[in-house]
Protein backbone atom coordinates (compact mmCIF):
# COMPACT_ATOMS: atom_id res chain seq x y z
CA UNK A 1 0.12 0.00 0.19
CA UNK A 2 1.46 3.56 -0.86
CA UNK A 3 2.19 6.23 1.33
CA UNK A 4 1.79 10.08 0.71
CA UNK A 5 4.13 12.83 2.42
CA UNK A 6 4.21 16.38 2.24
CA UNK A 7 7.62 18.43 3.38
CA UNK A 8 8.98 21.80 2.92
CA UNK A 9 11.88 22.10 0.72
CA UNK A 10 15.00 22.29 2.97
CA UNK A 11 17.15 25.24 2.13
CA UNK A 12 20.90 24.10 1.09
CA UNK A 13 23.11 25.91 -0.32
CA UNK A 14 26.00 25.38 -2.55
CA UNK A 15 28.55 27.96 -2.92
CA UNK A 16 30.30 27.17 -6.47
CA UNK A 17 34.21 27.96 -6.50
CA UNK A 18 35.13 30.16 -9.23
CA UNK A 19 38.75 31.76 -7.52
CA UNK A 20 41.64 29.78 -9.32
CA UNK A 21 43.75 30.35 -6.63
CA UNK A 22 41.30 28.64 -4.47
CA UNK A 23 39.84 25.75 -6.90
CA UNK A 24 41.71 22.68 -6.69
CA UNK A 25 42.41 20.53 -9.10
CA UNK A 26 40.28 17.91 -8.16
CA UNK A 27 37.46 19.76 -7.90
CA UNK A 28 38.41 21.62 -11.48
CA UNK A 29 38.15 17.79 -12.80
CA UNK A 30 34.65 16.50 -10.78
CA UNK A 31 32.71 19.62 -11.93
CA UNK A 32 34.08 18.96 -15.64
CA UNK A 33 33.27 15.44 -15.00
CA UNK A 34 29.85 16.35 -13.54
CA UNK A 35 29.09 18.80 -15.75
CA UNK A 36 29.49 16.48 -19.37
CA UNK A 37 27.21 13.89 -17.80
CA UNK A 38 23.74 13.19 -18.82
CA UNK A 39 21.15 14.87 -16.97
CA UNK A 40 18.82 13.03 -15.03
CA UNK A 41 16.25 15.72 -15.03
CA UNK A 42 16.94 17.85 -18.30
CA UNK A 43 13.42 19.46 -18.24
CA UNK A 44 13.28 20.51 -14.50
CA UNK A 45 16.86 20.68 -13.44
CA UNK A 46 16.28 24.98 -13.23
CA UNK A 47 13.25 24.61 -11.71
CA UNK A 48 13.82 22.85 -8.80
CA UNK A 49 15.44 26.00 -7.38
CA UNK A 50 11.90 27.53 -6.93
CA UNK A 51 10.10 24.48 -5.54
CA UNK A 52 8.98 24.92 -2.03
CA UNK A 53 7.12 21.71 -1.07
CA UNK A 54 7.68 18.56 -2.13
CA UNK A 55 4.71 15.66 -2.40
CA UNK A 56 6.10 12.25 -2.34
CA UNK A 57 4.63 8.59 -3.11
CA UNK A 58 6.10 6.17 -1.44
CA UNK A 59 5.45 2.75 -2.41
CA UNK A 60 5.81 -0.66 -0.19
CA UNK A 61 9.37 -0.67 0.17
CA UNK A 62 9.32 3.10 1.49
CA UNK A 63 11.22 4.43 -1.29
CA UNK A 64 9.88 7.00 -3.75
CA UNK A 65 7.99 6.05 -6.85
CA UNK A 66 6.48 9.15 -7.58
CA UNK A 67 6.93 13.17 -7.23
CA UNK A 68 5.29 16.53 -7.14
CA UNK A 69 7.18 19.55 -6.53
CA UNK A 70 5.04 22.93 -5.73
CA UNK A 71 5.54 26.10 -5.75
CA UNK A 72 5.27 29.13 -3.09
CA UNK A 73 1.49 28.70 -4.61
CA UNK A 74 1.20 25.37 -4.34
CA UNK A 75 0.96 25.01 -7.87
CA UNK A 76 2.85 21.80 -9.46
CA UNK A 77 6.06 22.68 -11.40
CA UNK A 78 7.75 19.66 -11.53
CA UNK A 79 6.66 15.89 -11.39
CA UNK A 80 8.63 12.92 -12.13
CA UNK A 81 9.41 10.50 -13.09
CA UNK A 82 7.92 11.95 -16.55
CA UNK A 83 9.53 11.52 -19.64
CA UNK A 84 13.06 11.64 -19.82
CA UNK A 85 13.05 13.35 -16.27
CA UNK A 86 13.60 10.09 -13.73
CA UNK A 87 12.92 12.78 -10.54
CA UNK A 88 14.84 14.00 -7.59
CA UNK A 89 13.30 12.05 -5.13
CA UNK A 90 12.47 8.78 -7.29
CA UNK A 91 16.29 8.87 -8.74
CA UNK A 92 17.29 9.12 -5.45
CA UNK A 93 18.06 5.88 -2.47
CA UNK A 94 16.61 7.60 0.33
CA UNK A 95 13.15 5.78 2.38
CA UNK A 96 11.07 6.68 4.11
CA UNK A 97 12.90 6.69 7.24
CA UNK A 98 15.86 8.07 6.19
CA UNK A 99 13.65 10.98 5.41
CA UNK A 100 11.39 11.12 8.83
CA UNK A 101 14.51 10.88 11.01
CA UNK A 102 17.88 11.99 9.58
CA UNK A 103 16.67 15.32 7.31
CA UNK A 104 12.72 16.70 6.98
CA UNK A 105 10.12 16.93 9.01
CA UNK A 106 7.13 15.82 6.99
CA UNK A 107 3.49 15.30 7.29
CA UNK A 108 0.99 12.07 5.69
CA UNK A 109 -1.42 13.84 2.90
CA UNK A 110 -4.03 12.14 1.25
CA UNK A 111 -3.61 10.17 -2.00
CA UNK A 112 -6.28 12.36 -3.21
CA UNK A 113 -4.28 15.44 -2.53
CA UNK A 114 -1.27 13.81 -4.34
CA UNK A 115 -3.21 12.76 -7.61
CA UNK A 116 -4.84 16.58 -7.58
CA UNK A 117 -1.50 18.26 -7.69
CA UNK A 118 0.12 15.35 -10.28
CA UNK A 119 -2.94 15.32 -12.72
CA UNK A 120 -2.70 19.45 -12.67
CA UNK A 121 0.90 19.52 -13.94
CA UNK A 122 0.47 20.90 -16.99
CA UNK A 123 2.43 18.54 -19.48
CA UNK A 124 1.99 20.62 -22.97
């Protein structure tokens, strides 16, 4: 039986090192390799910064099977998996226990709330 949760996007920040004096060779190499890898969410990579809330459908194994990213107005702006996008949470190895105990305060939501936002994602 699936379970549905909602949580606010954590405010993680990543400061890209651009000063050549402080940027290590290893970091430069990693950034070069990563920038040449195929993106797992090519349609949503630039949109994720606008996600305020996540709705996540969890399968029997506790792992994310579908997700909806909502903006500050609670409108769906990203879903996954969708077309050639694997999803943010659905592409991770995190399970419910890890989300619940280690990372984010979450609320259980009804399947109908999840499906409402999933169905209202603009697909065109």
